[in-house]
Each structure stands twice: as structure tokens, then as C-alpha cells.
Amino acid sequence: MLYARPTKQVIISMLTIVNGSNFLGEAVNMNNTAEQDQGVTESPIPLPSSFVYPVATCHILIVAVAVIGNIMVCSAILINKNLRKMPTNVFIFSLASSDLLTATLAMPFDIEGLFLGWVWNHGEAICRAWITVYLITVPTSILTLLAVSLDRYKSLSDPLNRYRRLGFMTHKRAIVISLVIWLYSILFALLPIMGWRTARKFVEFNVCWFPFPPVYTALSSTVNFILPLTIACGIHLKIYRLVCRQLKNFNTSQRAENNDSEPSEGERKIFFRNVRAFKTTTMFVCAIFLCWVPYSSVSIVAVLCESCAAAIPSEARVVLVMIGYLNSALNPFLFAFRSKRFKAVYPNVFGSPRRVARVM
């Protein structure tokens, strides 16, 4: 029989990656104090091995796919000059780096916790580092999605950039935006480390948990998840309407607005290329929703209602976290592996001689 922490205890594997809070952060402080007074040591509640082993196997598969897939994406962009100079690929590289951090520095500890009953044996420093990784990666992914969505909208609304010498999203601008996103995510994640928390230590009773105040939780949920994802959805709705309107005009060989001339062949190619890119980012939005919204919704409800949190089974929390992690394994397939340019580069990157010029 394998064990997991009681539902009344705070465990880092159950933390809300998006909003920086675990299910019962405040309740655990009170529980810990009571247990200290009574001389009670915490004992884990058993989870059946019939549940733990299949879930752990799925975790390991997700880690393997995420690590291999995101390494392939990063390697292709770093090695190939043509991929490296494309502004959109700057965002894809940033996204792959974030997912790689999640797969290598966050997921393994969840797998270990599943087998050890969430007992933390790695000390205070590693606990803080683990928490920081959690707080960095998801905001980085969502804000990067927002940047890509804006780029797609500008490209489709003015596909030939007729009124600008340079396009809206240049390579340099994409790098600056990515660096700003990473800097913001890191600084926001370090706020608890620098003192914005309800307890001095992150490890108590051999448990690594989140001692965060409700204000930090609410702010992180709103600014780093709800707001950017809502804006991205609004942008995609505008893009969808724009695509429908321009497709109709292209089919009738008329301009969308001034109706003064027929679209050129070059404009058609650029437009439909941007439409394919829009479909890709739309799938990414859907993947984030399907992977993270269920867990985040349950977590936010749990923060607002402690009695509700106590009623949530440990098995459900474990499965919801695993579904969230699945997003890191899906992203390479949604972005890079669907691209002809990436497909042509991979044989050269991994040693098989093929000509890439015909695609590039």
C-alpha cells in the first residue's frame, strides 16, 4: 500500500501552479500549531497502489515526452539560422524553455511525492527553488501565448505591412518581449521568497508547502492567468471574425475594406499562411484551457472555501495536476512538429543527411 498526504494537509504537489497557492494554506498553519501542542506527528492517508502506479506511469511518460519534444524544438531553433531569425520562433523557443523547466525541475518531485506520501527530504533551499519554478513557468507560457496572439492579429489585419517599412513583430522586438515576460515572471515568483508570505519556513513537518497570503494568491490568479487568457481569447475571437470576412472577400476577389482591387497571389499566400498560424495558436489556447482551467478552477474554489477543499479527494487533485502537466508535452506537437520548416531541419540536427533548402 502506498500513501499520500491527508486532504487536510498542504502538499506542494497539490499547489495551484497558476495562482501560487495550495488548497489549504491557511488551514495547515492552524493544524500544524494544534499538532505541535498535542505532540501529534502527521501520518499519511493511504492511497491504493492500483491508483498510484498507473498515475505515476502517466507522469513519467509525460515527463519523457515533454523533455524530448522540447529539447528537439530548442535544438532546431538554436542550430538552424533560418528558424532562429523568425520572430515567431523566438516565442516558440521561450515556450519550449519554460516547458523544459517544468518537465525537468518540477514534475520529478511530484512523481517522488506520489510514492513517498509527499514527505519532503530535500531541504528548505530546494523546496523554495521548486516553488519558484512552479510560479515562473505557467505565467511565462500564458503571456507568451498573448504575445503570439497579438502578432497573429497584426499579421492578419495587415498581411503585407503596406504602411510600415518593417513588420509589426521584428526579431529584435520578439527577443525584448520574451525577456520582459521572463523577467516579470521571475520577479513575481520571487516575491514570496523575499518575504511576502505567512510563515517563515517553506518546509514544516517534512512537507514543502506554500505559505502565501490570500492577496498574493488572488493577484497571481488574476494577473498571471485569468486576465491574459481572457485577452488572448478576445483576440482570437477578433481574428476569427477577420478571417471569415477576408476569406469571403478573397473568394469573391474583392478587398475586405476598400473593394478597389483584386488580391494578388503573394497576398493570398501570406494571408493563408497566417491563417494556418492562427489555427495553431488557437489549438494552443484550447490546450491550455483543457489542461489548466479545471485544476485552476478547483484550486481557486478551494482557496475561497476551506470546507470545500477538505472534501476534494487526493486522487482528484493528483489527476488534475497531471492533466496540467500534459500541456508541456503537447506544446511541441502543437507548434513545432506541425511546421514543415521544423520537420525539414530535424534530420540534419540529429545526423541524417537531408536537403532542407527546398522547404526553407
Protein backbone atom coordinates (compact mmCIF):
# COMPACT_ATOMS: atom_id res chain seq x y z
CA MET A 1 0.00 0.00 0.00
CA LEU A 2 1.33 3.46 -0.95
CA TYR A 3 0.49 6.70 0.84
CA ALA A 4 -0.40 10.30 0.14
CA ARG A 5 -0.79 13.27 2.46
CA PRO A 6 -4.16 13.78 4.15
CA THR A 7 -6.56 16.12 2.43
CA LYS A 8 -6.29 18.44 5.43
CA GLN A 9 -2.57 18.90 4.90
CA VAL A 10 -0.89 21.21 2.45
CA ILE A 11 1.28 19.47 -0.09
CA ILE A 12 3.30 21.14 -2.79
CA SER A 13 2.24 18.66 -5.42
CA MET A 14 -1.31 19.87 -4.96
CA LEU A 15 -0.40 23.53 -5.21
CA THR A 16 -2.09 25.82 -7.65
CA ILE A 17 0.65 26.34 -10.20
CA VAL A 18 -1.17 29.27 -11.70
CA ASN A 19 -2.15 31.23 -8.62
CA GLY A 20 0.68 30.28 -6.32
CA SER A 21 -1.44 28.75 -3.59
CA ASN A 22 -2.16 25.32 -2.31
CA PHE A 23 -5.60 24.09 -1.36
CA LEU A 24 -5.41 24.60 2.38
CA GLY A 25 -2.60 27.03 3.01
CA GLU A 26 -4.29 28.81 5.88
CA ALA A 27 -5.78 25.68 7.39
CA VAL A 28 -2.42 23.96 7.64
CA ASN A 29 -0.92 26.72 9.75
CA MET A 30 -3.67 26.12 12.30
CA ASN A 31 -3.37 22.36 12.04
CA ASN A 32 0.40 22.44 12.49
CA THR A 33 0.07 24.60 15.61
CA ALA A 34 -2.52 22.28 17.09
CA GLU A 35 -0.42 19.22 16.37
CA GLN A 36 2.64 20.79 17.95
CA ASP A 37 0.67 21.44 21.13
CA GLN A 38 -0.71 17.92 21.22
CA GLY A 39 2.56 16.23 20.32
CA VAL A 40 0.96 14.58 17.33
CA THR A 41 3.04 13.58 14.34
CA GLU A 42 1.48 13.65 10.91
CA SER A 43 0.62 10.33 9.33
CA PRO A 44 -0.26 9.90 5.70
CA ILE A 45 -3.56 8.61 4.44
CA PRO A 46 -3.14 5.51 2.26
CA LEU A 47 -3.74 5.66 -1.46
CA PRO A 48 -4.14 2.31 -3.16
CA SER A 49 -1.24 1.15 -5.27
CA SER A 50 -3.77 0.42 -8.01
CA PHE A 51 -4.14 4.20 -8.31
CA VAL A 52 -0.56 5.29 -7.63
CA TYR A 53 1.23 3.06 -10.13
CA PRO A 54 -0.87 3.94 -13.23
CA VAL A 55 -0.78 7.65 -12.37
CA ALA A 56 2.96 7.57 -11.75
CA THR A 57 3.44 5.79 -15.08
CA CYS A 58 1.47 8.52 -16.84
CA HIS A 59 3.57 11.16 -15.07
CA ILE A 60 6.78 9.51 -16.25
CA LEU A 61 5.52 9.28 -19.83
CA ILE A 62 4.55 12.96 -19.78
CA VAL A 63 7.99 13.91 -18.45
CA ALA A 64 9.73 11.84 -21.13
CA VAL A 65 7.67 13.27 -24.00
CA ALA A 66 7.98 16.82 -22.67
CA VAL A 67 11.76 16.63 -22.23
CA ILE A 68 12.46 15.01 -25.61
CA GLY A 69 9.98 17.16 -27.51
CA ASN A 70 11.07 20.49 -26.07
CA ILE A 71 14.77 19.67 -26.43
CA MET A 72 14.13 18.94 -30.10
CA VAL A 73 12.36 22.29 -30.50
CA CYS A 74 15.11 24.27 -28.78
CA SER A 75 17.87 22.43 -30.66
CA ALA A 76 16.31 23.04 -34.06
CA ILE A 77 15.93 26.77 -33.40
CA LEU A 78 19.42 27.18 -31.99
CA ILE A 79 21.15 25.26 -34.78
CA ASN A 80 19.23 26.44 -37.84
CA LYS A 81 19.74 30.08 -38.82
CA ASN A 82 16.53 30.33 -40.83
CA LEU A 83 14.44 29.18 -37.89
CA ARG A 84 16.37 31.34 -35.47
CA LYS A 85 15.75 34.60 -37.34
CA MET A 86 11.94 34.21 -37.46
CA PRO A 87 10.22 36.34 -34.77
CA THR A 88 7.53 33.75 -34.05
CA ASN A 89 10.18 31.14 -33.31
CA VAL A 90 11.60 33.38 -30.60
CA PHE A 91 8.32 32.91 -28.75
CA ILE A 92 8.28 29.19 -29.52
CA PHE A 93 11.80 28.88 -28.08
CA SER A 94 10.71 30.76 -24.95
CA LEU A 95 7.69 28.50 -24.59
CA ALA A 96 9.78 25.34 -25.08
CA SER A 97 12.30 26.55 -22.49
CA SER A 98 9.51 27.10 -19.98
CA ASP A 99 8.06 23.65 -20.62
CA LEU A 100 11.51 22.10 -20.34
CA LEU A 101 11.99 23.71 -16.93
CA THR A 102 8.64 22.30 -15.82
CA ALA A 103 9.48 18.80 -17.02
CA THR A 104 12.97 18.67 -15.52
CA LEU A 105 12.67 20.68 -12.29
CA ALA A 106 9.03 20.41 -11.24
CA MET A 107 7.45 17.16 -12.41
CA PRO A 108 10.07 14.74 -10.98
CA PHE A 109 9.36 15.92 -7.42
CA ASP A 110 5.65 15.26 -7.92
CA ILE A 111 6.43 11.73 -9.03
CA GLU A 112 8.62 11.24 -5.97
CA GLY A 113 5.94 12.67 -3.70
CA LEU A 114 3.39 10.27 -5.12
CA PHE A 115 5.50 7.32 -3.98
CA LEU A 116 6.75 8.80 -0.68
CA GLY A 117 3.46 10.19 0.58
CA TRP A 118 4.57 13.79 -0.11
CA VAL A 119 7.32 13.63 2.51
CA TRP A 120 9.95 16.23 1.59
CA ASN A 121 13.58 15.14 2.05
CA HIS A 122 15.43 17.82 0.09
CA GLY A 123 15.65 20.72 2.50
CA GLU A 124 14.45 24.32 2.57
CA ALA A 125 16.53 25.65 -0.34
CA ILE A 126 15.37 23.03 -2.84
CA CYS A 127 11.78 23.49 -1.68
CA ARG A 128 11.98 27.23 -2.39
CA ALA A 129 13.57 26.59 -5.77
CA TRP A 130 10.85 24.09 -6.65
CA ILE A 131 8.10 26.52 -5.68
CA THR A 132 9.76 29.28 -7.70
CA VAL A 133 9.84 27.10 -10.81
CA TYR A 134 6.13 26.44 -10.40
CA LEU A 135 5.39 30.15 -10.20
CA ILE A 136 7.53 31.06 -13.22
CA THR A 137 6.59 28.57 -15.90
CA VAL A 138 2.82 28.86 -16.33
CA PRO A 139 2.69 32.70 -16.38
CA THR A 140 5.53 32.65 -18.90
CA SER A 141 3.61 30.28 -21.16
CA ILE A 142 0.36 32.23 -20.98
CA LEU A 143 1.98 35.65 -21.51
CA THR A 144 3.94 34.21 -24.43
CA LEU A 145 0.65 32.97 -25.88
CA LEU A 146 -0.71 36.51 -25.55
CA ALA A 147 2.28 37.92 -27.45
CA VAL A 148 1.87 35.35 -30.24
CA SER A 149 -1.85 36.13 -30.45
CA LEU A 150 -1.15 39.85 -30.88
CA ASP A 151 1.40 39.05 -33.59
CA ARG A 152 -1.10 36.88 -35.44
CA TYR A 153 -3.78 39.56 -35.24
CA LYS A 154 -1.50 42.28 -36.61
CA SER A 155 -0.28 39.99 -39.39
CA LEU A 156 -3.80 39.11 -40.48
CA SER A 157 -5.19 42.63 -40.19
CA ASP A 158 -2.36 43.97 -42.41
CA PRO A 159 -0.75 40.91 -44.05
CA LEU A 160 1.61 42.84 -46.34
CA ASN A 161 2.55 45.56 -43.82
CA ARG A 162 1.93 48.09 -46.57
CA TYR A 163 2.24 51.12 -44.34
CA ARG A 164 5.39 50.12 -42.47
CA ARG A 165 8.95 49.64 -43.57
CA LEU A 166 9.31 46.85 -41.01
CA GLY A 167 6.72 44.34 -39.84
CA PHE A 168 4.93 44.71 -36.53
CA MET A 169 6.90 41.91 -34.88
CA THR A 170 10.60 42.08 -35.70
CA HIS A 171 13.18 39.59 -34.44
CA LYS A 172 14.65 42.13 -32.03
CA ARG A 173 11.24 43.12 -30.72
CA ALA A 174 10.31 39.48 -30.15
CA ILE A 175 13.50 38.93 -28.13
CA VAL A 176 12.82 42.01 -26.00
CA ILE A 177 9.22 40.94 -25.35
CA SER A 178 10.31 37.42 -24.37
CA LEU A 179 12.96 38.76 -21.99
CA VAL A 180 10.45 41.12 -20.39
CA ILE A 181 7.99 38.23 -19.91
CA TRP A 182 10.65 36.08 -18.25
CA LEU A 183 11.86 38.96 -16.06
CA TYR A 184 8.33 39.74 -14.92
CA SER A 185 7.54 36.08 -14.14
CA ILE A 186 10.77 35.66 -12.18
CA LEU A 187 10.25 38.83 -10.14
CA PHE A 188 6.64 37.92 -9.34
CA ALA A 189 7.69 34.40 -8.33
CA LEU A 190 10.41 35.77 -6.02
CA LEU A 191 8.02 37.96 -4.01
CA PRO A 192 7.24 35.15 -1.51
CA ILE A 193 10.94 34.30 -1.24
CA MET A 194 11.67 37.95 -0.43
CA GLY A 195 9.17 37.97 2.42
CA TRP A 196 5.58 38.17 1.15
CA ARG A 197 4.34 35.05 2.95
CA THR A 198 2.50 33.98 6.09
CA ALA A 199 5.22 31.76 7.56
CA ARG A 200 8.98 31.92 7.82
CA LYS A 201 9.71 28.43 6.56
CA PHE A 202 8.53 26.62 3.44
CA VAL A 203 9.21 23.18 4.95
CA GLU A 204 7.32 22.09 8.06
CA PHE A 205 6.75 18.55 9.31
CA ASN A 206 8.73 17.31 6.29
CA VAL A 207 6.21 18.91 3.94
CA CYS A 208 7.11 21.51 1.30
CA TRP A 209 4.15 23.88 1.05
CA PHE A 210 3.08 27.38 0.04
CA PRO A 211 2.77 29.83 2.96
CA PHE A 212 1.24 32.56 0.79
CA PRO A 213 -1.27 35.23 1.83
CA PRO A 214 -4.67 35.28 0.09
CA VAL A 215 -3.85 38.64 -1.52
CA TYR A 216 -0.87 37.13 -3.36
CA THR A 217 -2.99 34.18 -4.42
CA ALA A 218 -5.78 36.36 -5.78
CA LEU A 219 -3.38 38.74 -7.52
CA SER A 220 -1.43 35.92 -9.13
CA SER A 221 -4.60 34.19 -10.30
CA THR A 222 -5.97 37.35 -11.85
CA VAL A 223 -2.87 38.92 -13.39
CA ASN A 224 -0.99 35.80 -14.45
CA PHE A 225 -3.81 33.56 -15.61
CA ILE A 226 -7.36 34.88 -15.87
CA LEU A 227 -6.60 38.29 -17.40
CA PRO A 228 -4.05 37.29 -20.10
CA LEU A 229 -6.02 34.20 -21.08
CA THR A 230 -9.21 36.24 -21.36
CA ILE A 231 -7.45 38.84 -23.52
CA ALA A 232 -5.98 36.09 -25.71
CA CYS A 233 -9.44 34.60 -26.20
CA GLY A 234 -10.82 38.01 -27.13
CA ILE A 235 -8.03 38.50 -29.66
CA HIS A 236 -8.72 35.09 -31.18
CA LEU A 237 -12.39 35.94 -31.48
CA LYS A 238 -11.46 39.10 -33.40
CA ILE A 239 -9.07 37.09 -35.56
CA TYR A 240 -11.80 34.56 -36.32
CA ARG A 241 -14.15 37.30 -37.48
CA LEU A 242 -11.36 38.87 -39.54
CA VAL A 243 -10.51 35.54 -41.17
CA CYS A 244 -14.14 34.87 -42.05
CA ARG A 245 -14.51 38.31 -43.59
CA GLN A 246 -11.29 38.15 -45.59
CA LEU A 247 -11.94 34.61 -46.78
CA LYS A 248 -15.29 35.74 -48.09
CA ASN A 249 -13.68 38.67 -49.89
CA PHE A 250 -10.90 36.51 -51.29
CA ASN A 251 -13.45 34.08 -52.66
CA THR A 252 -15.20 36.94 -54.42
CA SER A 253 -11.85 38.50 -55.47
CA GLN A 254 -12.52 41.73 -53.59
CA ARG A 255 -10.76 43.69 -50.88
CA ALA A 256 -12.15 43.44 -47.35
CA GLU A 257 -12.47 47.18 -46.86
CA ASN A 258 -11.98 49.44 -49.88
CA ASN A 259 -13.13 46.98 -52.59
CA ASP A 260 -10.74 48.61 -55.07
CA SER A 261 -8.69 45.76 -56.48
CA GLU A 262 -8.27 42.03 -56.56
CA PRO A 263 -5.84 40.43 -54.05
CA SER A 264 -2.52 39.46 -55.55
CA GLU A 265 -1.15 35.92 -55.48
CA GLY A 266 1.53 36.96 -53.00
CA GLU A 267 -1.04 38.49 -50.68
CA ARG A 268 -3.14 35.34 -50.85
CA LYS A 269 -0.15 33.17 -49.87
CA ILE A 270 0.75 35.40 -46.95
CA PHE A 271 -2.84 35.53 -45.78
CA PHE A 272 -3.40 31.77 -45.83
CA ARG A 273 -0.03 31.19 -44.16
CA ASN A 274 -1.17 33.47 -41.35
CA VAL A 275 -4.49 31.62 -41.21
CA ARG A 276 -2.60 28.36 -40.62
CA ALA A 277 -0.59 30.07 -37.89
CA PHE A 278 -3.83 31.32 -36.35
CA LYS A 279 -5.17 27.75 -36.27
CA THR A 280 -2.01 26.67 -34.46
CA THR A 281 -2.29 29.32 -31.76
CA THR A 282 -6.00 28.54 -31.40
CA MET A 283 -5.16 24.91 -30.68
CA PHE A 284 -2.65 26.13 -28.11
CA VAL A 285 -5.33 28.24 -26.39
CA CYS A 286 -7.64 25.22 -26.33
CA ALA A 287 -4.85 23.05 -24.90
CA ILE A 288 -4.23 25.50 -22.05
CA PHE A 289 -7.94 25.63 -21.29
CA LEU A 290 -8.35 21.87 -21.28
CA CYS A 291 -5.18 21.26 -19.26
CA TRP A 292 -5.11 24.06 -16.69
CA VAL A 293 -8.58 25.56 -16.29
CA PRO A 294 -10.09 22.50 -14.49
CA TYR A 295 -7.32 22.37 -11.89
CA SER A 296 -7.13 26.14 -11.51
CA SER A 297 -10.89 26.43 -11.06
CA VAL A 298 -10.92 23.79 -8.34
CA SER A 299 -7.94 25.43 -6.66
CA ILE A 300 -9.50 28.89 -6.63
CA VAL A 301 -12.72 27.49 -5.16
CA ALA A 302 -10.66 25.67 -2.53
CA VAL A 303 -8.89 28.87 -1.52
CA LEU A 304 -12.22 30.66 -1.09
CA CYS A 305 -13.91 27.74 0.69
CA GLU A 306 -11.78 25.65 3.06
CA SER A 307 -14.59 23.21 3.76
CA CYS A 308 -14.88 22.64 0.01
CA ALA A 309 -11.15 21.95 -0.16
CA ALA A 310 -11.37 19.35 2.58
CA ALA A 311 -13.97 17.50 0.52
CA ILE A 312 -11.76 17.24 -2.57
CA PRO A 313 -10.26 13.73 -2.82
CA SER A 314 -6.49 13.48 -3.02
CA GLU A 315 -6.85 11.31 -6.11
CA ALA A 316 -8.73 14.07 -7.92
CA ARG A 317 -6.05 16.64 -7.14
CA VAL A 318 -3.28 14.34 -8.34
CA VAL A 319 -5.07 13.67 -11.63
CA LEU A 320 -5.81 17.37 -12.21
CA VAL A 321 -2.15 18.29 -11.66
CA MET A 322 -1.11 15.57 -14.09
CA ILE A 323 -3.52 16.90 -16.73
CA GLY A 324 -1.99 20.34 -16.26
CA TYR A 325 1.48 18.92 -16.81
CA LEU A 326 0.26 17.32 -20.01
CA ASN A 327 0.27 20.78 -21.59
CA SER A 328 4.09 20.84 -21.51
CA ALA A 329 4.18 17.63 -23.54
CA LEU A 330 1.56 18.81 -26.05
CA ASN A 331 3.08 22.18 -26.94
CA PRO A 332 5.90 20.85 -29.18
CA PHE A 333 3.32 18.95 -31.24
CA LEU A 334 1.02 21.96 -31.48
CA PHE A 335 3.68 24.43 -32.60
CA ALA A 336 6.91 22.97 -33.95
CA PHE A 337 6.11 19.45 -35.09
CA ARG A 338 3.33 20.67 -37.39
CA SER A 339 5.71 23.02 -39.23
CA LYS A 340 7.32 21.93 -42.50
CA ARG A 341 10.39 24.00 -41.67
CA PHE A 342 10.92 22.20 -38.38
CA LYS A 343 10.30 18.81 -39.96
CA ALA A 344 12.94 19.51 -42.56
CA VAL A 345 15.51 20.65 -40.00
CA TYR A 346 15.24 17.69 -37.62
CA PRO A 347 17.03 15.15 -39.85
CA ASN A 348 20.04 17.46 -40.10
CA VAL A 349 20.00 18.27 -36.39
CA PHE A 350 20.06 14.61 -35.43
CA GLY A 351 22.51 13.44 -38.05
CA SER A 352 20.52 12.20 -41.04
CA PRO A 353 21.66 13.97 -44.22
CA ARG A 354 18.73 15.62 -46.00
CA ARG A 355 18.38 18.71 -48.01
CA VAL A 356 16.43 21.45 -46.30
CA ALA A 357 16.65 24.19 -48.91
CA ARG A 358 13.53 23.11 -50.80
CA VAL A 359 11.39 23.75 -47.72
CA MET A 360 13.23 26.73 -46.29
